Amino acid sequence: MITLRQLSLLQGIVKNAFNLSAAARACHTSQPGASRQVALLEQELGVKLLLRRKNRILDLTAVGQEILSIANQMLSQAENIKLIAADERGDSGGRLIVATSHLHARYTLRNPAKSFSRKYPNVELQLLQADPENIVSLVERGLAHIGISTLLPSTHQTLLLLQSALIKRSAIVPKGHALARKRRLSLNDLARHPIVGYHAESTAGRLLASTFKSNGFVPRFVVSANDSDVIKTYVSDGFGIAIVPSLSLDDAGRDALTAIDVTSLFPKTFMTICLRQDRHLRNYLTDFISLISPEWTRRAIQHAVSARERACL
């Protein structure tokens, strides 16, 4: 008889790079116990699921890959059954793991997190800070329940993407700087001054650099950093000017800086929330999303899930 425990162990072996000891620990069992359960599963099915060399597991067999794909769906649905029952019981406890960038962790989520914690004191809110490129992977692999970032793919096979607020951008310059007297700026205005920018390989760095390049400008970057807080500090110290998301301009440092809106000079980008469409949406999860983006009510999210499911048929 095939059990969910056996399928979970098979899934765990793959998630832990075919390290049986690590998979056993993740599944709260012993290595011999895990090995026995997988052997029983192979015996029940009458096929080999794992490629082995002596005592090492190297990979899944071809049929093992097919079976794992179905096992993932079954385990996901089994988890959904538990989550639906928890909501029906009125169980408001749990854990909400949010994968997000430094920008949104530092600015976007502060007030929603406060409101959420007051409403759901029994839910542990965890923020996983990651590069935008890794946020999708964390949600897809089940290591985070939702992802919040600025530059996510416009479509994705397994994830639901909820587009939210437009990300406005501001040029920041020291008080008294020549550009501080101008109400409207051009790329030419910006390119004529040394720039404190994001690292060239970062998502924000590539966006800014490609915009200048496509318009025929070659700006001079004098300092590069990973986040807007560091960039603001260096601008305050007179190293140059910078282009940062406007939401990062809180009260700190305003006395030393002048901000000019330059949103129209760069490609439009939006805050996007991503989540797995095959998971039951806990009440506290949809409430958290609504706190971030009020237009995404639970009903609106469910409608988007249904529309996506119909589109995938």
C-alpha atoms as a PDB file:
ATOM      1  CA  MET A   1       0.000   0.000   0.000  1.00  0.00           C
ATOM      2  CA  ILE A   2       1.378   3.395  -1.005  1.00  0.00           C
ATOM      3  CA  THR A   3       1.442   5.941   1.807  1.00  0.00           C
ATOM      4  CA  LEU A   4       1.818   9.706   1.862  1.00  0.00           C
ATOM      5  CA  ARG A   5       4.765   9.178   4.189  1.00  0.00           C
ATOM      6  CA  GLN A   6       6.603   7.266   1.490  1.00  0.00           C
ATOM      7  CA  LEU A   7       5.836   9.899  -1.128  1.00  0.00           C
ATOM      8  CA  SER A   8       6.967  12.627   1.261  1.00  0.00           C
ATOM      9  CA  LEU A   9      10.293  10.844   1.748  1.00  0.00           C
ATOM     10  CA  LEU A  10      10.763  10.554  -2.012  1.00  0.00           C
ATOM     11  CA  GLN A  11      10.074  14.274  -2.328  1.00  0.00           C
ATOM     12  CA  GLY A  12      12.466  14.991   0.537  1.00  0.00           C
ATOM     13  CA  ILE A  13      15.277  13.043  -1.087  1.00  0.00           C
ATOM     14  CA  VAL A  14      15.025  15.172  -4.219  1.00  0.00           C
ATOM     15  CA  LYS A  15      14.713  18.438  -2.264  1.00  0.00           C
ATOM     16  CA  ASN A  16      17.856  17.552  -0.324  1.00  0.00           C
ATOM     17  CA  ALA A  17      19.959  16.869  -3.435  1.00  0.00           C
ATOM     18  CA  PHE A  18      19.677  13.067  -3.055  1.00  0.00           C
ATOM     19  CA  ASN A  19      21.292  13.149   0.376  1.00  0.00           C
ATOM     20  CA  LEU A  20      19.405  10.453   2.264  1.00  0.00           C
ATOM     21  CA  SER A  21      20.632  11.568   5.698  1.00  0.00           C
ATOM     22  CA  ALA A  22      19.512  15.153   5.107  1.00  0.00           C
ATOM     23  CA  ALA A  23      16.162  13.967   3.733  1.00  0.00           C
ATOM     24  CA  ALA A  24      15.629  11.750   6.796  1.00  0.00           C
ATOM     25  CA  ARG A  25      16.299  14.679   9.139  1.00  0.00           C
ATOM     26  CA  ALA A  26      13.948  16.942   7.171  1.00  0.00           C
ATOM     27  CA  CYS A  27      11.219  14.284   7.396  1.00  0.00           C
ATOM     28  CA  HIS A  28      11.879  13.633  11.097  1.00  0.00           C
ATOM     29  CA  THR A  29      12.975  10.037  10.760  1.00  0.00           C
ATOM     30  CA  SER A  30      16.172   8.009  10.794  1.00  0.00           C
ATOM     31  CA  GLN A  31      18.259   7.211   7.743  1.00  0.00           C
ATOM     32  CA  PRO A  32      17.556   3.450   7.985  1.00  0.00           C
ATOM     33  CA  GLY A  33      13.854   4.216   8.386  1.00  0.00           C
ATOM     34  CA  ALA A  34      13.843   6.465   5.323  1.00  0.00           C
ATOM     35  CA  SER A  35      15.747   3.906   3.275  1.00  0.00           C
ATOM     36  CA  ARG A  36      13.294   1.176   4.283  1.00  0.00           C
ATOM     37  CA  GLN A  37      10.220   3.251   3.382  1.00  0.00           C
ATOM     38  CA  VAL A  38      11.587   4.063  -0.083  1.00  0.00           C
ATOM     39  CA  ALA A  39      12.464   0.402  -0.625  1.00  0.00           C
ATOM     40  CA  LEU A  40       8.902  -0.560   0.350  1.00  0.00           C
ATOM     41  CA  LEU A  41       7.537   2.007  -2.106  1.00  0.00           C
ATOM     42  CA  GLU A  42       9.665   0.596  -4.930  1.00  0.00           C
ATOM     43  CA  GLN A  43       8.599  -2.922  -3.943  1.00  0.00           C
ATOM     44  CA  GLU A  44       4.916  -1.943  -3.980  1.00  0.00           C
ATOM     45  CA  LEU A  45       5.226  -0.312  -7.397  1.00  0.00           C
ATOM     46  CA  GLY A  46       7.525  -2.940  -8.860  1.00  0.00           C
ATOM     47  CA  VAL A  47       9.852  -0.326 -10.405  1.00  0.00           C
ATOM     48  CA  LYS A  48      13.063   1.437  -9.418  1.00  0.00           C
ATOM     49  CA  LEU A  49      12.551   5.103  -8.572  1.00  0.00           C
ATOM     50  CA  LEU A  50      16.147   6.023  -7.753  1.00  0.00           C
ATOM     51  CA  LEU A  51      19.402   5.602  -9.623  1.00  0.00           C
ATOM     52  CA  ARG A  52      22.011   4.243  -7.223  1.00  0.00           C
ATOM     53  CA  ARG A  53      25.725   3.586  -7.317  1.00  0.00           C
ATOM     54  CA  LYS A  54      26.795   1.437  -4.397  1.00  0.00           C
ATOM     55  CA  ASN A  55      25.434   3.342  -1.354  1.00  0.00           C
ATOM     56  CA  ARG A  56      24.912   6.656  -3.149  1.00  0.00           C
ATOM     57  CA  ILE A  57      21.706   7.960  -4.692  1.00  0.00           C
ATOM     58  CA  LEU A  58      22.524   9.755  -7.946  1.00  0.00           C
ATOM     59  CA  ASP A  59      19.172  10.754  -9.429  1.00  0.00           C
ATOM     60  CA  LEU A  60      15.620   9.743 -10.184  1.00  0.00           C
ATOM     61  CA  THR A  61      14.897   7.191 -12.859  1.00  0.00           C
ATOM     62  CA  ALA A  62      12.699   8.300 -15.744  1.00  0.00           C
ATOM     63  CA  VAL A  63       9.643   6.661 -14.188  1.00  0.00           C
ATOM     64  CA  GLY A  64      10.700   8.092 -10.823  1.00  0.00           C
ATOM     65  CA  GLN A  65      10.472  11.591 -12.261  1.00  0.00           C
ATOM     66  CA  GLU A  66       6.955  10.938 -13.542  1.00  0.00           C
ATOM     67  CA  ILE A  67       5.851   9.498 -10.212  1.00  0.00           C
ATOM     68  CA  LEU A  68       7.414  12.361  -8.249  1.00  0.00           C
ATOM     69  CA  SER A  69       5.470  14.876 -10.339  1.00  0.00           C
ATOM     70  CA  ILE A  70       2.196  13.202  -9.349  1.00  0.00           C
ATOM     71  CA  ALA A  71       3.406  12.722  -5.769  1.00  0.00           C
ATOM     72  CA  ASN A  72       4.043  16.461  -5.479  1.00  0.00           C
ATOM     73  CA  GLN A  73       0.451  17.145  -6.486  1.00  0.00           C
ATOM     74  CA  MET A  74      -0.906  14.570  -4.042  1.00  0.00           C
ATOM     75  CA  LEU A  75       1.171  15.938  -1.161  1.00  0.00           C
ATOM     76  CA  SER A  76       0.107  19.472  -1.996  1.00  0.00           C
ATOM     77  CA  GLN A  77      -3.560  18.475  -1.967  1.00  0.00           C
ATOM     78  CA  ALA A  78      -3.110  16.591   1.304  1.00  0.00           C
ATOM     79  CA  GLU A  79      -1.656  19.756   2.835  1.00  0.00           C
ATOM     80  CA  ASN A  80      -4.579  21.739   1.437  1.00  0.00           C
ATOM     81  CA  ILE A  81      -6.993  19.407   3.254  1.00  0.00           C
ATOM     82  CA  LYS A  82      -5.256  20.203   6.544  1.00  0.00           C
ATOM     83  CA  LEU A  83      -5.302  23.947   5.844  1.00  0.00           C
ATOM     84  CA  ILE A  84      -8.998  23.970   4.905  1.00  0.00           C
ATOM     85  CA  ALA A  85      -9.818  22.103   8.120  1.00  0.00           C
ATOM     86  CA  ALA A  86      -7.722  24.548  10.158  1.00  0.00           C
ATOM     87  CA  ASP A  87      -9.631  27.515   8.738  1.00  0.00           C
ATOM     88  CA  GLU A  88     -12.956  25.768   9.366  1.00  0.00           C
ATOM     89  CA  ARG A  89     -11.964  25.147  13.001  1.00  0.00           C
ATOM     90  CA  GLY A  90     -11.129  28.828  13.349  1.00  0.00           C
ATOM     91  CA  ASP A  91      -7.490  27.977  14.000  1.00  0.00           C
ATOM     92  CA  SER A  92      -5.722  31.303  13.499  1.00  0.00           C
ATOM     93  CA  GLY A  93      -2.256  30.049  14.418  1.00  0.00           C
ATOM     94  CA  GLY A  94       0.515  29.186  12.036  1.00  0.00           C
ATOM     95  CA  ARG A  95       3.430  30.655  10.153  1.00  0.00           C
ATOM     96  CA  LEU A  96       3.497  33.028   7.198  1.00  0.00           C
ATOM     97  CA  ILE A  97       6.791  33.116   5.325  1.00  0.00           C
ATOM     98  CA  VAL A  98       7.249  36.060   2.968  1.00  0.00           C
ATOM     99  CA  ALA A  99      10.143  36.158   0.505  1.00  0.00           C
ATOM    100  CA  THR A 100      10.929  39.733  -0.404  1.00  0.00           C
ATOM    101  CA  SER A 101      13.647  42.191  -1.322  1.00  0.00           C
ATOM    102  CA  HIS A 102      15.347  44.600   1.077  1.00  0.00           C
ATOM    103  CA  LEU A 103      13.313  47.485  -0.357  1.00  0.00           C
ATOM    104  CA  HIS A 104       9.929  45.975   0.456  1.00  0.00           C
ATOM    105  CA  ALA A 105      11.034  44.441   3.758  1.00  0.00           C
ATOM    106  CA  ARG A 106      12.340  47.828   4.892  1.00  0.00           C
ATOM    107  CA  TYR A 107       9.561  50.093   3.604  1.00  0.00           C
ATOM    108  CA  THR A 108       6.487  48.418   2.078  1.00  0.00           C
ATOM    109  CA  LEU A 109       5.836  45.806   4.754  1.00  0.00           C
ATOM    110  CA  ARG A 110       6.460  47.713   7.981  1.00  0.00           C
ATOM    111  CA  ASN A 111       2.958  49.049   8.570  1.00  0.00           C
ATOM    112  CA  PRO A 112       1.121  46.002   7.138  1.00  0.00           C
ATOM    113  CA  ALA A 113       3.236  43.769   9.393  1.00  0.00           C
ATOM    114  CA  LYS A 114       2.220  45.785  12.464  1.00  0.00           C
ATOM    115  CA  SER A 115      -1.485  45.558  11.578  1.00  0.00           C
ATOM    116  CA  PHE A 116      -1.168  41.871  10.762  1.00  0.00           C
ATOM    117  CA  SER A 117       0.530  41.037  14.063  1.00  0.00           C
ATOM    118  CA  ARG A 118      -2.204  42.817  16.000  1.00  0.00           C
ATOM    119  CA  LYS A 119      -4.927  40.891  14.168  1.00  0.00           C
ATOM    120  CA  TYR A 120      -3.126  37.522  14.160  1.00  0.00           C
ATOM    121  CA  PRO A 121      -0.953  37.376  17.287  1.00  0.00           C
ATOM    122  CA  ASN A 122      -0.647  33.589  16.965  1.00  0.00           C
ATOM    123  CA  VAL A 123       0.818  33.696  13.457  1.00  0.00           C
ATOM    124  CA  GLU A 124       4.589  33.897  13.184  1.00  0.00           C
ATOM    125  CA  LEU A 125       5.537  36.267  10.374  1.00  0.00           C
ATOM    126  CA  GLN A 126       8.907  35.470   8.801  1.00  0.00           C
ATOM    127  CA  LEU A 127      10.596  37.702   6.222  1.00  0.00           C
ATOM    128  CA  LEU A 128      13.103  36.016   3.934  1.00  0.00           C
ATOM    129  CA  GLN A 129      15.177  38.726   2.282  1.00  0.00           C
ATOM    130  CA  ALA A 130      16.373  37.629  -1.137  1.00  0.00           C
ATOM    131  CA  ASP A 131      17.433  38.980  -4.493  1.00  0.00           C
ATOM    132  CA  PRO A 132      14.429  39.480  -6.814  1.00  0.00           C
ATOM    133  CA  GLU A 133      15.710  36.670  -9.037  1.00  0.00           C
ATOM    134  CA  ASN A 134      15.491  34.195  -6.134  1.00  0.00           C
ATOM    135  CA  ILE A 135      12.104  35.193  -4.758  1.00  0.00           C
ATOM    136  CA  VAL A 136      10.161  33.235  -7.388  1.00  0.00           C
ATOM    137  CA  SER A 137      12.247  30.135  -6.715  1.00  0.00           C
ATOM    138  CA  LEU A 138      11.616  30.303  -2.963  1.00  0.00           C
ATOM    139  CA  VAL A 139       7.842  30.412  -3.497  1.00  0.00           C
ATOM    140  CA  GLU A 140       7.899  27.781  -6.222  1.00  0.00           C
ATOM    141  CA  ARG A 141       9.874  25.362  -4.019  1.00  0.00           C
ATOM    142  CA  GLY A 142       7.520  25.869  -1.096  1.00  0.00           C
ATOM    143  CA  LEU A 143      10.124  27.639   1.058  1.00  0.00           C
ATOM    144  CA  ALA A 144       7.952  30.771   1.203  1.00  0.00           C
ATOM    145  CA  HIS A 145       4.178  31.188   1.074  1.00  0.00           C
ATOM    146  CA  ILE A 146       4.226  34.427  -0.911  1.00  0.00           C
ATOM    147  CA  GLY A 147       6.828  36.547  -2.663  1.00  0.00           C
ATOM    148  CA  ILE A 148       6.861  40.338  -2.939  1.00  0.00           C
ATOM    149  CA  SER A 149       9.158  42.083  -5.361  1.00  0.00           C
ATOM    150  CA  THR A 150       9.336  44.773  -8.005  1.00  0.00           C
ATOM    151  CA  LEU A 151      10.635  42.940 -11.048  1.00  0.00           C
ATOM    152  CA  LEU A 152       9.061  39.508 -11.385  1.00  0.00           C
ATOM    153  CA  PRO A 153       8.200  37.685 -14.615  1.00  0.00           C
ATOM    154  CA  SER A 154       4.941  38.825 -16.189  1.00  0.00           C
ATOM    155  CA  THR A 155       3.771  35.205 -16.487  1.00  0.00           C
ATOM    156  CA  HIS A 156       4.712  31.964 -14.770  1.00  0.00           C
ATOM    157  CA  GLN A 157       3.505  28.406 -15.243  1.00  0.00           C
ATOM    158  CA  THR A 158       2.986  27.413 -11.609  1.00  0.00           C
ATOM    159  CA  LEU A 159       2.593  30.742  -9.799  1.00  0.00           C
ATOM    160  CA  LEU A 160      -0.172  33.310  -9.615  1.00  0.00           C
ATOM    161  CA  LEU A 161       1.188  36.851 -10.045  1.00  0.00           C
ATOM    162  CA  LEU A 162      -0.810  39.748  -8.594  1.00  0.00           C
ATOM    163  CA  GLN A 163       0.239  43.121  -9.971  1.00  0.00           C
ATOM    164  CA  SER A 164       0.018  45.951  -7.477  1.00  0.00           C
ATOM    165  CA  ALA A 165       1.266  49.523  -7.082  1.00  0.00           C
ATOM    166  CA  LEU A 166       3.395  51.352  -9.626  1.00  0.00           C
ATOM    167  CA  ILE A 167       6.935  51.821  -8.337  1.00  0.00           C
ATOM    168  CA  LYS A 168       7.724  55.509  -8.567  1.00  0.00           C
ATOM    169  CA  ARG A 169      11.338  56.666  -8.847  1.00  0.00           C
ATOM    170  CA  SER A 170      13.033  59.807  -7.603  1.00  0.00           C
ATOM    171  CA  ALA A 171      16.364  61.419  -8.301  1.00  0.00           C
ATOM    172  CA  ILE A 172      17.958  62.406  -5.016  1.00  0.00           C
ATOM    173  CA  VAL A 173      20.571  65.142  -4.777  1.00  0.00           C
ATOM    174  CA  PRO A 174      22.231  66.947  -1.860  1.00  0.00           C
ATOM    175  CA  LYS A 175      20.581  70.149  -0.674  1.00  0.00           C
ATOM    176  CA  GLY A 176      21.932  73.073  -2.702  1.00  0.00           C
ATOM    177  CA  HIS A 177      22.889  70.884  -5.684  1.00  0.00           C
ATOM    178  CA  ALA A 178      22.433  72.445  -9.140  1.00  0.00           C
ATOM    179  CA  LEU A 179      19.672  69.949 -10.000  1.00  0.00           C
ATOM    180  CA  ALA A 180      17.759  70.752  -6.804  1.00  0.00           C
ATOM    181  CA  ARG A 181      16.441  73.948  -8.422  1.00  0.00           C
ATOM    182  CA  LYS A 182      14.854  72.076 -11.361  1.00  0.00           C
ATOM    183  CA  ARG A 183      11.299  70.771 -11.150  1.00  0.00           C
ATOM    184  CA  ARG A 184      11.663  68.430 -14.120  1.00  0.00           C
ATOM    185  CA  LEU A 185      14.747  66.453 -15.051  1.00  0.00           C
ATOM    186  CA  SER A 186      15.853  64.647 -18.199  1.00  0.00           C
ATOM    187  CA  LEU A 187      18.181  61.684 -18.634  1.00  0.00           C
ATOM    188  CA  ASN A 188      20.690  64.159 -20.003  1.00  0.00           C
ATOM    189  CA  ASP A 189      20.492  66.144 -16.749  1.00  0.00           C
ATOM    190  CA  LEU A 190      21.150  63.005 -14.728  1.00  0.00           C
ATOM    191  CA  ALA A 191      23.940  61.668 -16.943  1.00  0.00           C
ATOM    192  CA  ARG A 192      25.948  64.883 -16.581  1.00  0.00           C
ATOM    193  CA  HIS A 193      26.584  64.230 -12.892  1.00  0.00           C
ATOM    194  CA  PRO A 194      28.399  61.417 -11.031  1.00  0.00           C
ATOM    195  CA  ILE A 195      25.912  58.760  -9.949  1.00  0.00           C
ATOM    196  CA  VAL A 196      25.724  56.582  -6.866  1.00  0.00           C
ATOM    197  CA  GLY A 197      24.029  53.485  -8.233  1.00  0.00           C
ATOM    198  CA  TYR A 198      23.048  49.904  -7.621  1.00  0.00           C
ATOM    199  CA  HIS A 199      25.437  47.083  -8.441  1.00  0.00           C
ATOM    200  CA  ALA A 200      25.590  46.509 -12.192  1.00  0.00           C
ATOM    201  CA  GLU A 201      24.451  42.877 -11.877  1.00  0.00           C
ATOM    202  CA  SER A 202      21.465  43.685  -9.684  1.00  0.00           C
ATOM    203  CA  THR A 203      17.976  43.983 -11.159  1.00  0.00           C
ATOM    204  CA  ALA A 204      17.754  47.709 -10.371  1.00  0.00           C
ATOM    205  CA  GLY A 205      21.274  48.306 -11.644  1.00  0.00           C
ATOM    206  CA  ARG A 206      20.532  46.646 -14.978  1.00  0.00           C
ATOM    207  CA  LEU A 207      17.277  48.581 -15.375  1.00  0.00           C
ATOM    208  CA  LEU A 208      18.900  51.974 -14.828  1.00  0.00           C
ATOM    209  CA  ALA A 209      21.977  51.213 -16.933  1.00  0.00           C
ATOM    210  CA  SER A 210      19.950  49.860 -19.864  1.00  0.00           C
ATOM    211  CA  THR A 211      17.696  52.941 -19.829  1.00  0.00           C
ATOM    212  CA  PHE A 212      20.652  55.298 -20.094  1.00  0.00           C
ATOM    213  CA  LYS A 213      22.330  53.150 -22.748  1.00  0.00           C
ATOM    214  CA  SER A 214      19.223  52.774 -24.935  1.00  0.00           C
ATOM    215  CA  ASN A 215      18.875  56.560 -24.977  1.00  0.00           C
ATOM    216  CA  GLY A 216      22.506  57.130 -25.922  1.00  0.00           C
ATOM    217  CA  PHE A 217      23.891  58.222 -22.542  1.00  0.00           C
ATOM    218  CA  VAL A 218      26.955  56.910 -20.726  1.00  0.00           C
ATOM    219  CA  PRO A 219      26.670  57.970 -17.070  1.00  0.00           C
ATOM    220  CA  ARG A 220      29.608  57.859 -14.677  1.00  0.00           C
ATOM    221  CA  PHE A 221      28.912  55.621 -11.711  1.00  0.00           C
ATOM    222  CA  VAL A 222      31.221  56.507  -8.819  1.00  0.00           C
ATOM    223  CA  VAL A 223      29.883  54.226  -6.079  1.00  0.00           C
ATOM    224  CA  SER A 224      27.660  51.138  -6.244  1.00  0.00           C
ATOM    225  CA  ALA A 225      25.748  49.500  -3.403  1.00  0.00           C
ATOM    226  CA  ASN A 226      23.132  46.845  -2.757  1.00  0.00           C
ATOM    227  CA  ASP A 227      20.350  48.890  -1.220  1.00  0.00           C
ATOM    228  CA  SER A 228      18.854  52.347  -1.190  1.00  0.00           C
ATOM    229  CA  ASP A 229      19.758  53.093   2.444  1.00  0.00           C
ATOM    230  CA  VAL A 230      23.480  52.925   1.659  1.00  0.00           C
ATOM    231  CA  ILE A 231      22.975  54.875  -1.556  1.00  0.00           C
ATOM    232  CA  LYS A 232      21.137  57.679   0.269  1.00  0.00           C
ATOM    233  CA  THR A 233      23.981  57.927   2.774  1.00  0.00           C
ATOM    234  CA  TYR A 234      26.594  58.351   0.049  1.00  0.00           C
ATOM    235  CA  VAL A 235      24.509  60.956  -1.739  1.00  0.00           C
ATOM    236  CA  SER A 236      24.178  62.865   1.549  1.00  0.00           C
ATOM    237  CA  ASP A 237      27.972  62.747   1.847  1.00  0.00           C
ATOM    238  CA  GLY A 238      28.343  64.414  -1.563  1.00  0.00           C
ATOM    239  CA  PHE A 239      29.581  61.508  -3.683  1.00  0.00           C
ATOM    240  CA  GLY A 240      27.000  62.163  -6.403  1.00  0.00           C
ATOM    241  CA  ILE A 241      23.307  61.896  -7.220  1.00  0.00           C
ATOM    242  CA  ALA A 242      21.140  58.763  -7.337  1.00  0.00           C
ATOM    243  CA  ILE A 243      17.904  57.317  -8.681  1.00  0.00           C
ATOM    244  CA  VAL A 244      15.981  55.352  -6.047  1.00  0.00           C
ATOM    245  CA  PRO A 245      12.426  54.072  -5.526  1.00  0.00           C
ATOM    246  CA  SER A 246      10.396  56.913  -4.047  1.00  0.00           C
ATOM    247  CA  LEU A 247       8.994  54.701  -1.303  1.00  0.00           C
ATOM    248  CA  SER A 248      12.507  54.510   0.188  1.00  0.00           C
ATOM    249  CA  LEU A 249      12.420  58.241   0.942  1.00  0.00           C
ATOM    250  CA  ASP A 250      11.225  58.219   4.520  1.00  0.00           C
ATOM    251  CA  ASP A 251      11.834  61.015   6.993  1.00  0.00           C
ATOM    252  CA  ALA A 252      15.408  59.931   7.687  1.00  0.00           C
ATOM    253  CA  GLY A 253      17.839  62.058   5.703  1.00  0.00           C
ATOM    254  CA  ARG A 254      15.212  64.368   4.175  1.00  0.00           C
ATOM    255  CA  ASP A 255      16.926  67.423   5.652  1.00  0.00           C
ATOM    256  CA  ALA A 256      20.087  66.620   3.692  1.00  0.00           C
ATOM    257  CA  LEU A 257      18.474  65.585   0.382  1.00  0.00           C
ATOM    258  CA  THR A 258      16.198  66.951  -2.326  1.00  0.00           C
ATOM    259  CA  ALA A 259      14.032  64.482  -4.248  1.00  0.00           C
ATOM    260  CA  ILE A 260      12.686  65.057  -7.791  1.00  0.00           C
ATOM    261  CA  ASP A 261      10.238  62.633  -9.385  1.00  0.00           C
ATOM    262  CA  VAL A 262      11.720  60.891 -12.463  1.00  0.00           C
ATOM    263  CA  THR A 263       9.249  58.016 -12.810  1.00  0.00           C
ATOM    264  CA  SER A 264       8.444  58.929 -16.424  1.00  0.00           C
ATOM    265  CA  LEU A 265      12.098  58.625 -17.488  1.00  0.00           C
ATOM    266  CA  PHE A 266      12.295  54.892 -16.809  1.00  0.00           C
ATOM    267  CA  PRO A 267      10.274  51.812 -17.806  1.00  0.00           C
ATOM    268  CA  LYS A 268       7.199  51.271 -15.657  1.00  0.00           C
ATOM    269  CA  THR A 269       7.643  48.651 -12.964  1.00  0.00           C
ATOM    270  CA  PHE A 270       5.128  47.407 -10.433  1.00  0.00           C
ATOM    271  CA  MET A 271       5.199  45.734  -7.075  1.00  0.00           C
ATOM    272  CA  THR A 272       4.104  42.161  -7.693  1.00  0.00           C
ATOM    273  CA  ILE A 273       2.889  39.530  -5.252  1.00  0.00           C
ATOM    274  CA  CYS A 274       3.378  35.902  -6.226  1.00  0.00           C
ATOM    275  CA  LEU A 275       1.933  32.762  -4.661  1.00  0.00           C
ATOM    276  CA  ARG A 276       1.402  29.155  -5.600  1.00  0.00           C
ATOM    277  CA  GLN A 277      -1.982  28.636  -7.209  1.00  0.00           C
ATOM    278  CA  ASP A 278      -2.175  25.005  -6.068  1.00  0.00           C
ATOM    279  CA  ARG A 279      -2.197  25.864  -2.344  1.00  0.00           C
ATOM    280  CA  HIS A 280      -5.226  26.613  -0.210  1.00  0.00           C
ATOM    281  CA  LEU A 281      -5.259  30.285   0.707  1.00  0.00           C
ATOM    282  CA  ARG A 282      -5.367  30.589   4.480  1.00  0.00           C
ATOM    283  CA  ASN A 283      -7.538  33.435   5.727  1.00  0.00           C
ATOM    284  CA  TYR A 284      -4.570  35.155   7.340  1.00  0.00           C
ATOM    285  CA  LEU A 285      -2.570  34.922   4.095  1.00  0.00           C
ATOM    286  CA  THR A 286      -5.189  36.726   2.014  1.00  0.00           C
ATOM    287  CA  ASP A 287      -5.663  39.271   4.812  1.00  0.00           C
ATOM    288  CA  PHE A 288      -1.931  39.997   4.749  1.00  0.00           C
ATOM    289  CA  ILE A 289      -2.046  40.536   0.978  1.00  0.00           C
ATOM    290  CA  SER A 290      -5.010  42.900   1.402  1.00  0.00           C
ATOM    291  CA  LEU A 291      -3.054  44.915   3.957  1.00  0.00           C
ATOM    292  CA  ILE A 292      -0.289  45.386   1.389  1.00  0.00           C
ATOM    293  CA  SER A 293      -2.578  45.979  -1.593  1.00  0.00           C
ATOM    294  CA  PRO A 294      -6.185  46.764  -0.588  1.00  0.00           C
ATOM    295  CA  GLU A 295      -7.441  46.099  -4.126  1.00  0.00           C
ATOM    296  CA  TRP A 296      -6.512  42.420  -3.707  1.00  0.00           C
ATOM    297  CA  THR A 297      -9.337  41.310  -1.427  1.00  0.00           C
ATOM    298  CA  ARG A 298      -9.834  37.606  -0.729  1.00  0.00           C
ATOM    299  CA  ARG A 299     -12.618  37.537  -3.310  1.00  0.00           C
ATOM    300  CA  ALA A 300     -10.413  39.237  -5.931  1.00  0.00           C
ATOM    301  CA  ILE A 301      -7.571  36.795  -5.250  1.00  0.00           C
ATOM    302  CA  GLN A 302      -9.889  33.780  -5.523  1.00  0.00           C
ATOM    303  CA  HIS A 303     -11.273  35.180  -8.781  1.00  0.00           C
ATOM    304  CA  ALA A 304      -7.708  35.522 -10.127  1.00  0.00           C
ATOM    305  CA  VAL A 305      -6.934  31.921  -9.098  1.00  0.00           C
ATOM    306  CA  SER A 306     -10.069  30.641 -10.862  1.00  0.00           C
ATOM    307  CA  ALA A 307      -9.284  32.652 -14.007  1.00  0.00           C
ATOM    308  CA  ARG A 308      -5.757  31.263 -14.058  1.00  0.00           C
ATOM    309  CA  GLU A 309      -7.019  27.691 -13.624  1.00  0.00           C
ATOM    310  CA  ARG A 310      -9.441  28.145 -16.544  1.00  0.00           C
ATOM    311  CA  ALA A 311      -6.665  29.569 -18.701  1.00  0.00           C
ATOM    312  CA  CYS A 312      -4.492  26.523 -17.968  1.00  0.00           C
ATOM    313  CA  LEU A 313      -7.172  24.026 -19.084  1.00  0.00           C
END
